[in-house]
Amino acid sequence: MRTTRSLVIETDTDEVLLGEPVTIRVRDRLQNPLEGVTVSTRRKGVRTDETGRCQLTFHAPGLWSLTATKPSEGEITYRPATTLLRAVTRPAMARRVRRIAALSE
C-alpha cells in the first residue's frame, strides 16, 4: 500500500541578510526530521542531514523560493513543499528595524 507524506519546510526567519547563512529544517507532517531531502532555489541545492537540517547563504537580494523534494522510499512517496524567503541587504534590514521601532513607540 502506497503512502504519501507531505514535506514541511521551516526556517527561523522569513527574512535573511545577504551573506548570512539561514538554517532550514525539513520534516514530515508527523514532525519527523527527514534526512536526504534536497532543498533548492533556482541557483543551487543542498541536502538535509540526519536531523533534517541544512543551510543556505544568499548573495543576491530578492524573494527566493525554496523547494523541498525527496525521492520515494519503498512504499512512501513524499509531496514537495515550497516556501518563500526574502534576502535583504544590511541597510534594508536596518531601515526595517527602525520602522518597527518607530511603530512600537
PDB file of N, CA and C in Angstrom:
ATOM      1  N   MET A   1       0.837  -1.181   0.000  1.00  0.00           N
ATOM      2  CA  MET A   1       0.000   0.000   0.000  1.00  0.00           C
ATOM      3  C   MET A   1       0.883   1.246   0.000  1.00  0.00           C
ATOM      4  N   ARG A   2       0.693   2.097  -0.960  1.00  0.00           N
ATOM      5  CA  ARG A   2       1.480   3.317  -1.132  1.00  0.00           C
ATOM      6  C   ARG A   2       0.988   4.387  -0.158  1.00  0.00           C
ATOM      7  N   THR A   3       1.933   5.074   0.517  1.00  0.00           N
ATOM      8  CA  THR A   3       1.619   6.150   1.449  1.00  0.00           C
ATOM      9  C   THR A   3       2.280   7.434   0.940  1.00  0.00           C
ATOM     10  N   THR A   4       1.531   8.531   0.960  1.00  0.00           N
ATOM     11  CA  THR A   4       2.080   9.826   0.571  1.00  0.00           C
ATOM     12  C   THR A   4       2.182  10.707   1.804  1.00  0.00           C
ATOM     13  N   ARG A   5       3.373  11.280   2.019  1.00  0.00           N
ATOM     14  CA  ARG A   5       3.596  12.184   3.135  1.00  0.00           C
ATOM     15  C   ARG A   5       4.005  13.548   2.597  1.00  0.00           C
ATOM     16  N   SER A   6       3.446  14.583   3.179  1.00  0.00           N
ATOM     17  CA  SER A   6       3.792  15.949   2.782  1.00  0.00           C
ATOM     18  C   SER A   6       5.027  16.414   3.533  1.00  0.00           C
ATOM     19  N   LEU A   7       5.926  17.070   2.822  1.00  0.00           N
ATOM     20  CA  LEU A   7       7.093  17.669   3.450  1.00  0.00           C
ATOM     21  C   LEU A   7       6.705  19.029   4.029  1.00  0.00           C
ATOM     22  N   VAL A   8       7.402  19.433   5.095  1.00  0.00           N
ATOM     23  CA  VAL A   8       7.192  20.736   5.726  1.00  0.00           C
ATOM     24  C   VAL A   8       8.547  21.420   5.833  1.00  0.00           C
ATOM     25  N   ILE A   9       8.656  22.658   5.324  1.00  0.00           N
ATOM     26  CA  ILE A   9       9.893  23.440   5.411  1.00  0.00           C
ATOM     27  C   ILE A   9       9.727  24.467   6.530  1.00  0.00           C
ATOM     28  N   GLU A  10      10.731  24.540   7.408  1.00  0.00           N
ATOM     29  CA  GLU A  10      10.726  25.534   8.481  1.00  0.00           C
ATOM     30  C   GLU A  10      12.034  26.321   8.439  1.00  0.00           C
ATOM     31  N   THR A  11      11.940  27.633   8.636  1.00  0.00           N
ATOM     32  CA  THR A  11      13.122  28.478   8.775  1.00  0.00           C
ATOM     33  C   THR A  11      12.948  29.324  10.037  1.00  0.00           C
ATOM     34  N   ASP A  12      14.065  29.795  10.584  1.00  0.00           N
ATOM     35  CA  ASP A  12      13.997  30.632  11.781  1.00  0.00           C
ATOM     36  C   ASP A  12      13.388  31.993  11.476  1.00  0.00           C
ATOM     37  N   THR A  13      13.485  32.422  10.234  1.00  0.00           N
ATOM     38  CA  THR A  13      13.032  33.743   9.843  1.00  0.00           C
ATOM     39  C   THR A  13      12.552  33.696   8.405  1.00  0.00           C
ATOM     40  N   ASP A  14      11.764  34.676   8.018  1.00  0.00           N
ATOM     41  CA  ASP A  14      11.354  34.762   6.609  1.00  0.00           C
ATOM     42  C   ASP A  14      12.165  35.825   5.873  1.00  0.00           C
ATOM     43  N   GLU A  15      13.137  36.439   6.600  1.00  0.00           N
ATOM     44  CA  GLU A  15      13.997  37.455   6.014  1.00  0.00           C
ATOM     45  C   GLU A  15      15.422  37.239   6.512  1.00  0.00           C
ATOM     46  N   VAL A  16      16.379  37.191   5.590  1.00  0.00           N
ATOM     47  CA  VAL A  16      17.773  36.891   5.937  1.00  0.00           C
ATOM     48  C   VAL A  16      18.693  37.931   5.305  1.00  0.00           C
ATOM     49  N   LEU A  17      19.775  38.255   6.014  1.00  0.00           N
ATOM     50  CA  LEU A  17      20.773  39.175   5.482  1.00  0.00           C
ATOM     51  C   LEU A  17      21.610  38.488   4.413  1.00  0.00           C
ATOM     52  N   LEU A  18      21.955  39.250   3.373  1.00  0.00           N
ATOM     53  CA  LEU A  18      22.840  38.715   2.341  1.00  0.00           C
ATOM     54  C   LEU A  18      24.152  38.268   2.980  1.00  0.00           C
ATOM     55  N   GLY A  19      24.646  37.126   2.568  1.00  0.00           N
ATOM     56  CA  GLY A  19      25.906  36.608   3.060  1.00  0.00           C
ATOM     57  C   GLY A  19      25.817  35.883   4.389  1.00  0.00           C
ATOM     58  N   GLU A  20      24.656  35.903   5.030  1.00  0.00           N
ATOM     59  CA  GLU A  20      24.469  35.209   6.310  1.00  0.00           C
ATOM     60  C   GLU A  20      23.731  33.893   6.050  1.00  0.00           C
ATOM     61  N   PRO A  21      24.209  32.790   6.613  1.00  0.00           N
ATOM     62  CA  PRO A  21      23.510  31.517   6.383  1.00  0.00           C
ATOM     63  C   PRO A  21      22.175  31.468   7.120  1.00  0.00           C
ATOM     64  N   VAL A  22      21.231  30.809   6.513  1.00  0.00           N
ATOM     65  CA  VAL A  22      19.939  30.559   7.159  1.00  0.00           C
ATOM     66  C   VAL A  22      19.798  29.048   7.310  1.00  0.00           C
ATOM     67  N   THR A  23      19.356  28.627   8.485  1.00  0.00           N
ATOM     68  CA  THR A  23      19.146  27.203   8.728  1.00  0.00           C
ATOM     69  C   THR A  23      17.731  26.831   8.326  1.00  0.00           C
ATOM     70  N   ILE A  24      17.631  25.754   7.581  1.00  0.00           N
ATOM     71  CA  ILE A  24      16.348  25.255   7.089  1.00  0.00           C
ATOM     72  C   ILE A  24      16.144  23.864   7.670  1.00  0.00           C
ATOM     73  N   ARG A  25      14.950  23.606   8.169  1.00  0.00           N
ATOM     74  CA  ARG A  25      14.598  22.289   8.692  1.00  0.00           C
ATOM     75  C   ARG A  25      13.485  21.710   7.826  1.00  0.00           C
ATOM     76  N   VAL A  26      13.576  20.431   7.539  1.00  0.00           N
ATOM     77  CA  VAL A  26      12.530  19.756   6.774  1.00  0.00           C
ATOM     78  C   VAL A  26      12.035  18.561   7.584  1.00  0.00           C
ATOM     79  N   ARG A  27      10.723  18.491   7.723  1.00  0.00           N
ATOM     80  CA  ARG A  27      10.076  17.411   8.474  1.00  0.00           C
ATOM     81  C   ARG A  27       8.892  16.910   7.679  1.00  0.00           C
ATOM     82  N   ASP A  28       8.343  15.790   8.127  1.00  0.00           N
ATOM     83  CA  ASP A  28       7.068  15.371   7.559  1.00  0.00           C
ATOM     84  C   ASP A  28       5.961  15.908   8.465  1.00  0.00           C
ATOM     85  N   ARG A  29       4.718  15.667   8.109  1.00  0.00           N
ATOM     86  CA  ARG A  29       3.586  16.194   8.887  1.00  0.00           C
ATOM     87  C   ARG A  29       3.498  15.582  10.288  1.00  0.00           C
ATOM     88  N   LEU A  30       4.196  14.478  10.498  1.00  0.00           N
ATOM     89  CA  LEU A  30       4.224  13.850  11.822  1.00  0.00           C
ATOM     90  C   LEU A  30       5.358  14.403  12.680  1.00  0.00           C
ATOM     91  N   GLN A  31       6.025  15.470  12.195  1.00  0.00           N
ATOM     92  CA  GLN A  31       7.130  16.151  12.881  1.00  0.00           C
ATOM     93  C   GLN A  31       8.437  15.356  12.902  1.00  0.00           C
ATOM     94  N   ASN A  32       8.555  14.346  12.055  1.00  0.00           N
ATOM     95  CA  ASN A  32       9.792  13.571  11.961  1.00  0.00           C
ATOM     96  C   ASN A  32      10.789  14.299  11.063  1.00  0.00           C
ATOM     97  N   PRO A  33      12.013  14.587  11.545  1.00  0.00           N
ATOM     98  CA  PRO A  33      13.020  15.199  10.679  1.00  0.00           C
ATOM     99  C   PRO A  33      13.396  14.227   9.562  1.00  0.00           C
ATOM    100  N   LEU A  34      13.666  14.762   8.382  1.00  0.00           N
ATOM    101  CA  LEU A  34      13.958  13.911   7.229  1.00  0.00           C
ATOM    102  C   LEU A  34      15.356  14.169   6.674  1.00  0.00           C
ATOM    103  N   GLU A  35      16.131  13.113   6.595  1.00  0.00           N
ATOM    104  CA  GLU A  35      17.476  13.169   6.020  1.00  0.00           C
ATOM    105  C   GLU A  35      17.389  12.962   4.508  1.00  0.00           C
ATOM    106  N   GLY A  36      18.307  13.618   3.774  1.00  0.00           N
ATOM    107  CA  GLY A  36      18.399  13.391   2.336  1.00  0.00           C
ATOM    108  C   GLY A  36      17.382  14.139   1.499  1.00  0.00           C
ATOM    109  N   VAL A  37      16.728  15.130   2.078  1.00  0.00           N
ATOM    110  CA  VAL A  37      15.800  15.973   1.326  1.00  0.00           C
ATOM    111  C   VAL A  37      16.628  17.031   0.601  1.00  0.00           C
ATOM    112  N   THR A  38      16.333  17.280  -0.664  1.00  0.00           N
ATOM    113  CA  THR A  38      17.007  18.341  -1.400  1.00  0.00           C
ATOM    114  C   THR A  38      16.200  19.617  -1.256  1.00  0.00           C
ATOM    115  N   VAL A  39      16.848  20.655  -0.729  1.00  0.00           N
ATOM    116  CA  VAL A  39      16.243  21.979  -0.633  1.00  0.00           C
ATOM    117  C   VAL A  39      16.923  22.819  -1.694  1.00  0.00           C
ATOM    118  N   SER A  40      16.138  23.344  -2.630  1.00  0.00           N
ATOM    119  CA  SER A  40      16.752  24.037  -3.755  1.00  0.00           C
ATOM    120  C   SER A  40      16.099  25.386  -4.030  1.00  0.00           C
ATOM    121  N   THR A  41      16.913  26.261  -4.630  1.00  0.00           N
ATOM    122  CA  THR A  41      16.469  27.540  -5.162  1.00  0.00           C
ATOM    123  C   THR A  41      16.682  27.455  -6.661  1.00  0.00           C
ATOM    124  N   ARG A  42      16.502  28.544  -7.341  1.00  0.00           N
ATOM    125  CA  ARG A  42      16.730  28.498  -8.790  1.00  0.00           C
ATOM    126  C   ARG A  42      18.215  28.401  -9.139  1.00  0.00           C
ATOM    127  N   ARG A  43      19.097  28.623  -8.151  1.00  0.00           N
ATOM    128  CA  ARG A  43      20.536  28.615  -8.417  1.00  0.00           C
ATOM    129  C   ARG A  43      21.302  27.468  -7.788  1.00  0.00           C
ATOM    130  N   LYS A  44      20.815  26.935  -6.676  1.00  0.00           N
ATOM    131  CA  LYS A  44      21.589  25.883  -6.001  1.00  0.00           C
ATOM    132  C   LYS A  44      20.679  25.014  -5.151  1.00  0.00           C
ATOM    133  N   GLY A  45      21.250  23.896  -4.717  1.00  0.00           N
ATOM    134  CA  GLY A  45      20.505  22.990  -3.856  1.00  0.00           C
ATOM    135  C   GLY A  45      21.436  22.345  -2.841  1.00  0.00           C
ATOM    136  N   VAL A  46      20.891  22.018  -1.682  1.00  0.00           N
ATOM    137  CA  VAL A  46      21.637  21.345  -0.632  1.00  0.00           C
ATOM    138  C   VAL A  46      20.769  20.223  -0.072  1.00  0.00           C
ATOM    139  N   ARG A  47      21.409  19.273   0.606  1.00  0.00           N
ATOM    140  CA  ARG A  47      20.674  18.140   1.198  1.00  0.00           C
ATOM    141  C   ARG A  47      20.649  18.272   2.717  1.00  0.00           C
ATOM    142  N   THR A  48      19.565  17.809   3.293  1.00  0.00           N
ATOM    143  CA  THR A  48      19.436  17.827   4.745  1.00  0.00           C
ATOM    144  C   THR A  48      20.262  16.705   5.362  1.00  0.00           C
ATOM    145  N   ASP A  49      20.707  16.945   6.605  1.00  0.00           N
ATOM    146  CA  ASP A  49      21.465  15.940   7.352  1.00  0.00           C
ATOM    147  C   ASP A  49      20.503  15.043   8.133  1.00  0.00           C
ATOM    148  N   GLU A  50      21.052  14.226   9.032  1.00  0.00           N
ATOM    149  CA  GLU A  50      20.217  13.272   9.778  1.00  0.00           C
ATOM    150  C   GLU A  50      19.216  13.952  10.716  1.00  0.00           C
ATOM    151  N   THR A  51      19.425  15.249  11.010  1.00  0.00           N
ATOM    152  CA  THR A  51      18.467  15.985  11.852  1.00  0.00           C
ATOM    153  C   THR A  51      17.444  16.753  11.025  1.00  0.00           C
ATOM    154  N   GLY A  52      17.504  16.577   9.703  1.00  0.00           N
ATOM    155  CA  GLY A  52      16.575  17.272   8.814  1.00  0.00           C
ATOM    156  C   GLY A  52      16.950  18.717   8.558  1.00  0.00           C
ATOM    157  N   ARG A  53      18.208  19.078   8.852  1.00  0.00           N
ATOM    158  CA  ARG A  53      18.653  20.469   8.708  1.00  0.00           C
ATOM    159  C   ARG A  53      19.680  20.641   7.594  1.00  0.00           C
ATOM    160  N   CYS A  54      19.682  21.853   7.032  1.00  0.00           N
ATOM    161  CA  CYS A  54      20.698  22.259   6.070  1.00  0.00           C
ATOM    162  C   CYS A  54      20.801  23.778   6.138  1.00  0.00           C
ATOM    163  N   GLN A  55      21.802  24.329   5.487  1.00  0.00           N
ATOM    164  CA  GLN A  55      21.973  25.780   5.467  1.00  0.00           C
ATOM    165  C   GLN A  55      22.167  26.263   4.046  1.00  0.00           C
ATOM    166  N   LEU A  56      21.624  27.461   3.784  1.00  0.00           N
ATOM    167  CA  LEU A  56      21.828  28.140   2.513  1.00  0.00           C
ATOM    168  C   LEU A  56      22.262  29.565   2.815  1.00  0.00           C
ATOM    169  N   THR A  57      23.107  30.110   1.957  1.00  0.00           N
ATOM    170  CA  THR A  57      23.527  31.502   2.049  1.00  0.00           C
ATOM    171  C   THR A  57      23.166  32.174   0.735  1.00  0.00           C
ATOM    172  N   PHE A  58      22.533  33.336   0.831  1.00  0.00           N
ATOM    173  CA  PHE A  58      22.101  34.069  -0.359  1.00  0.00           C
ATOM    174  C   PHE A  58      23.024  35.251  -0.594  1.00  0.00           C
ATOM    175  N   HIS A  59      23.389  35.462  -1.856  1.00  0.00           N
ATOM    176  CA  HIS A  59      24.314  36.536  -2.210  1.00  0.00           C
ATOM    177  C   HIS A  59      23.665  37.560  -3.135  1.00  0.00           C
ATOM    178  N   ALA A  60      22.388  37.393  -3.421  1.00  0.00           N
ATOM    179  CA  ALA A  60      21.655  38.349  -4.241  1.00  0.00           C
ATOM    180  C   ALA A  60      20.336  38.661  -3.538  1.00  0.00           C
ATOM    181  N   PRO A  61      19.976  39.951  -3.456  1.00  0.00           N
ATOM    182  CA  PRO A  61      18.731  40.303  -2.777  1.00  0.00           C
ATOM    183  C   PRO A  61      17.518  39.870  -3.585  1.00  0.00           C
ATOM    184  N   GLY A  62      16.419  39.716  -2.883  1.00  0.00           N
ATOM    185  CA  GLY A  62      15.172  39.382  -3.564  1.00  0.00           C
ATOM    186  C   GLY A  62      14.368  38.352  -2.812  1.00  0.00           C
ATOM    187  N   LEU A  63      13.270  37.999  -3.400  1.00  0.00           N
ATOM    188  CA  LEU A  63      12.388  36.987  -2.839  1.00  0.00           C
ATOM    189  C   LEU A  63      12.772  35.654  -3.465  1.00  0.00           C
ATOM    190  N   TRP A  64      13.168  34.706  -2.622  1.00  0.00           N
ATOM    191  CA  TRP A  64      13.642  33.404  -3.073  1.00  0.00           C
ATOM    192  C   TRP A  64      12.621  32.330  -2.735  1.00  0.00           C
ATOM    193  N   SER A  65      12.385  31.469  -3.674  1.00  0.00           N
ATOM    194  CA  SER A  65      11.511  30.325  -3.458  1.00  0.00           C
ATOM    195  C   SER A  65      12.375  29.123  -3.102  1.00  0.00           C
ATOM    196  N   LEU A  66      12.074  28.490  -1.962  1.00  0.00           N
ATOM    197  CA  LEU A  66      12.764  27.277  -1.533  1.00  0.00           C
ATOM    198  C   LEU A  66      11.832  26.100  -1.751  1.00  0.00           C
ATOM    199  N   THR A  67      12.322  25.075  -2.407  1.00  0.00           N
ATOM    200  CA  THR A  67      11.522  23.882  -2.658  1.00  0.00           C
ATOM    201  C   THR A  67      12.223  22.670  -2.072  1.00  0.00           C
ATOM    202  N   ALA A  68      11.472  21.883  -1.306  1.00  0.00           N
ATOM    203  CA  ALA A  68      11.996  20.652  -0.710  1.00  0.00           C
ATOM    204  C   ALA A  68      11.418  19.464  -1.455  1.00  0.00           C
ATOM    205  N   THR A  69      12.309  18.568  -1.893  1.00  0.00           N
ATOM    206  CA  THR A  69      11.882  17.351  -2.587  1.00  0.00           C
ATOM    207  C   THR A  69      12.643  16.160  -2.028  1.00  0.00           C
ATOM    208  N   LYS A  70      11.992  15.032  -2.041  1.00  0.00           N
ATOM    209  CA  LYS A  70      12.626  13.789  -1.574  1.00  0.00           C
ATOM    210  C   LYS A  70      12.115  12.645  -2.443  1.00  0.00           C
ATOM    211  N   PRO A  71      13.034  11.817  -2.936  1.00  0.00           N
ATOM    212  CA  PRO A  71      12.600  10.676  -3.740  1.00  0.00           C
ATOM    213  C   PRO A  71      11.800   9.680  -2.900  1.00  0.00           C
ATOM    214  N   SER A  72      10.992   8.914  -3.563  1.00  0.00           N
ATOM    215  CA  SER A  72      10.217   7.865  -2.886  1.00  0.00           C
ATOM    216  C   SER A  72      11.160   6.868  -2.232  1.00  0.00           C
ATOM    217  N   GLU A  73      10.698   6.313  -1.106  1.00  0.00           N
ATOM    218  CA  GLU A  73      11.444   5.271  -0.393  1.00  0.00           C
ATOM    219  C   GLU A  73      10.494   4.108  -0.157  1.00  0.00           C
ATOM    220  N   GLY A  74      10.695   3.037  -0.885  1.00  0.00           N
ATOM    221  CA  GLY A  74       9.819   1.877  -0.733  1.00  0.00           C
ATOM    222  C   GLY A  74       8.380   2.246  -1.045  1.00  0.00           C
ATOM    223  N   GLU A  75       7.524   2.120  -0.066  1.00  0.00           N
ATOM    224  CA  GLU A  75       6.104   2.409  -0.245  1.00  0.00           C
ATOM    225  C   GLU A  75       5.736   3.857   0.105  1.00  0.00           C
ATOM    226  N   ILE A  76       6.736   4.666   0.481  1.00  0.00           N
ATOM    227  CA  ILE A  76       6.460   6.048   0.883  1.00  0.00           C
ATOM    228  C   ILE A  76       6.850   7.014  -0.225  1.00  0.00           C
ATOM    229  N   THR A  77       5.892   7.853  -0.605  1.00  0.00           N
ATOM    230  CA  THR A  77       6.110   8.919  -1.575  1.00  0.00           C
ATOM    231  C   THR A  77       6.003  10.243  -0.832  1.00  0.00           C
ATOM    232  N   TYR A  78       6.873  11.194  -1.171  1.00  0.00           N
ATOM    233  CA  TYR A  78       6.877  12.489  -0.499  1.00  0.00           C
ATOM    234  C   TYR A  78       6.351  13.581  -1.420  1.00  0.00           C
ATOM    235  N   ARG A  79       5.426  14.376  -0.897  1.00  0.00           N
ATOM    236  CA  ARG A  79       4.870  15.511  -1.639  1.00  0.00           C
ATOM    237  C   ARG A  79       5.779  16.714  -1.391  1.00  0.00           C
ATOM    238  N   PRO A  80       6.283  17.367  -2.446  1.00  0.00           N
ATOM    239  CA  PRO A  80       7.190  18.509  -2.282  1.00  0.00           C
ATOM    240  C   PRO A  80       6.522  19.655  -1.511  1.00  0.00           C
ATOM    241  N   ALA A  81       7.363  20.515  -0.938  1.00  0.00           N
ATOM    242  CA  ALA A  81       6.887  21.705  -0.232  1.00  0.00           C
ATOM    243  C   ALA A  81       7.675  22.912  -0.727  1.00  0.00           C
ATOM    244  N   THR A  82       7.039  24.064  -0.699  1.00  0.00           N
ATOM    245  CA  THR A  82       7.677  25.308  -1.127  1.00  0.00           C
ATOM    246  C   THR A  82       7.382  26.397  -0.106  1.00  0.00           C
ATOM    247  N   THR A  83       8.377  27.245   0.125  1.00  0.00           N
ATOM    248  CA  THR A  83       8.186  28.420   0.978  1.00  0.00           C
ATOM    249  C   THR A  83       8.997  29.559   0.387  1.00  0.00           C
ATOM    250  N   LEU A  84       8.709  30.774   0.839  1.00  0.00           N
ATOM    251  CA  LEU A  84       9.418  31.953   0.354  1.00  0.00           C
ATOM    252  C   LEU A  84      10.297  32.531   1.446  1.00  0.00           C
ATOM    253  N   LEU A  85      11.430  33.081   1.029  1.00  0.00           N
ATOM    254  CA  LEU A  85      12.379  33.705   1.931  1.00  0.00           C
ATOM    255  C   LEU A  85      12.899  34.959   1.244  1.00  0.00           C
ATOM    256  N   ARG A  86      12.954  36.053   1.982  1.00  0.00           N
ATOM    257  CA  ARG A  86      13.451  37.301   1.411  1.00  0.00           C
ATOM    258  C   ARG A  86      14.897  37.515   1.857  1.00  0.00           C
ATOM    259  N   ALA A  87      15.785  37.751   0.889  1.00  0.00           N
ATOM    260  CA  ALA A  87      17.183  38.078   1.170  1.00  0.00           C
ATOM    261  C   ALA A  87      17.344  39.578   0.996  1.00  0.00           C
ATOM    262  N   VAL A  88      17.868  40.244   2.042  1.00  0.00           N
ATOM    263  CA  VAL A  88      17.960  41.702   2.022  1.00  0.00           C
ATOM    264  C   VAL A  88      19.373  42.156   2.373  1.00  0.00           C
ATOM    265  N   THR A  89      19.672  43.390   1.979  1.00  0.00           N
ATOM    266  CA  THR A  89      20.952  44.000   2.318  1.00  0.00           C
ATOM    267  C   THR A  89      20.912  44.498   3.759  1.00  0.00           C
ATOM    268  N   ARG A  90      22.067  44.757   4.321  1.00  0.00           N
ATOM    269  CA  ARG A  90      22.141  45.269   5.699  1.00  0.00           C
ATOM    270  C   ARG A  90      21.412  46.617   5.840  1.00  0.00           C
ATOM    271  N   PRO A  91      21.600  47.586   4.898  1.00  0.00           N
ATOM    272  CA  PRO A  91      20.863  48.847   5.030  1.00  0.00           C
ATOM    273  C   PRO A  91      19.342  48.651   4.986  1.00  0.00           C
ATOM    274  N   ALA A  92      18.873  47.750   4.156  1.00  0.00           N
ATOM    275  CA  ALA A  92      17.424  47.495   4.094  1.00  0.00           C
ATOM    276  C   ALA A  92      16.923  46.907   5.404  1.00  0.00           C
ATOM    277  N   MET A  93      17.698  46.010   6.007  1.00  0.00           N
ATOM    278  CA  MET A  93      17.315  45.426   7.287  1.00  0.00           C
ATOM    279  C   MET A  93      17.299  46.503   8.369  1.00  0.00           C
ATOM    280  N   ALA A  94      18.278  47.406   8.363  1.00  0.00           N
ATOM    281  CA  ALA A  94      18.340  48.478   9.360  1.00  0.00           C
ATOM    282  C   ALA A  94      17.129  49.401   9.233  1.00  0.00           C
ATOM    283  N   ARG A  95      16.731  49.727   7.998  1.00  0.00           N
ATOM    284  CA  ARG A  95      15.538  50.579   7.790  1.00  0.00           C
ATOM    285  C   ARG A  95      14.301  49.898   8.340  1.00  0.00           C
ATOM    286  N   ARG A  96      14.194  48.592   8.128  1.00  0.00           N
ATOM    287  CA  ARG A  96      13.027  47.847   8.621  1.00  0.00           C
ATOM    288  C   ARG A  96      12.981  47.861  10.145  1.00  0.00           C
ATOM    289  N   VAL A  97      14.132  47.659  10.782  1.00  0.00           N
ATOM    290  CA  VAL A  97      14.199  47.662  12.243  1.00  0.00           C
ATOM    291  C   VAL A  97      13.810  49.038  12.785  1.00  0.00           C
ATOM    292  N   ARG A  98      14.281  50.100  12.135  1.00  0.00           N
ATOM    293  CA  ARG A  98      13.926  51.459  12.581  1.00  0.00           C
ATOM    294  C   ARG A  98      12.428  51.705  12.440  1.00  0.00           C
ATOM    295  N   ARG A  99      11.819  51.236  11.352  1.00  0.00           N
ATOM    296  CA  ARG A  99      10.377  51.413  11.153  1.00  0.00           C
ATOM    297  C   ARG A  99       9.594  50.680  12.236  1.00  0.00           C
ATOM    298  N   ILE A 100      10.004  49.468  12.531  1.00  0.00           N
ATOM    299  CA  ILE A 100       9.313  48.686  13.575  1.00  0.00           C
ATOM    300  C   ILE A 100       9.446  49.374  14.928  1.00  0.00           C
ATOM    301  N   ALA A 101      10.648  49.890  15.235  1.00  0.00           N
ATOM    302  CA  ALA A 101      10.861  50.582  16.496  1.00  0.00           C
ATOM    303  C   ALA A 101       9.985  51.827  16.583  1.00  0.00           C
ATOM    304  N   ALA A 102       9.882  52.571  15.479  1.00  0.00           N
ATOM    305  CA  ALA A 102       9.070  53.790  15.466  1.00  0.00           C
ATOM    306  C   ALA A 102       7.598  53.472  15.653  1.00  0.00           C
ATOM    307  N   LEU A 103       7.140  52.385  15.090  1.00  0.00           N
ATOM    308  CA  LEU A 103       5.730  51.998  15.231  1.00  0.00           C
ATOM    309  C   LEU A 103       5.393  51.541  16.645  1.00  0.00           C
ATOM    310  N   SER A 104       6.377  51.017  17.341  1.00  0.00           N
ATOM    311  CA  SER A 104       6.113  50.499  18.686  1.00  0.00           C
ATOM    312  C   SER A 104       6.197  51.573  19.766  1.00  0.00           C
ATOM    313  N   GLU A 105       6.633  52.772  19.386  1.00  0.00           N
ATOM    314  CA  GLU A 105       6.738  53.858  20.376  1.00  0.00           C
ATOM    315  C   GLU A 105       5.393  54.467  20.676  1.00  0.00           C
TER     316      GLU A 105
END
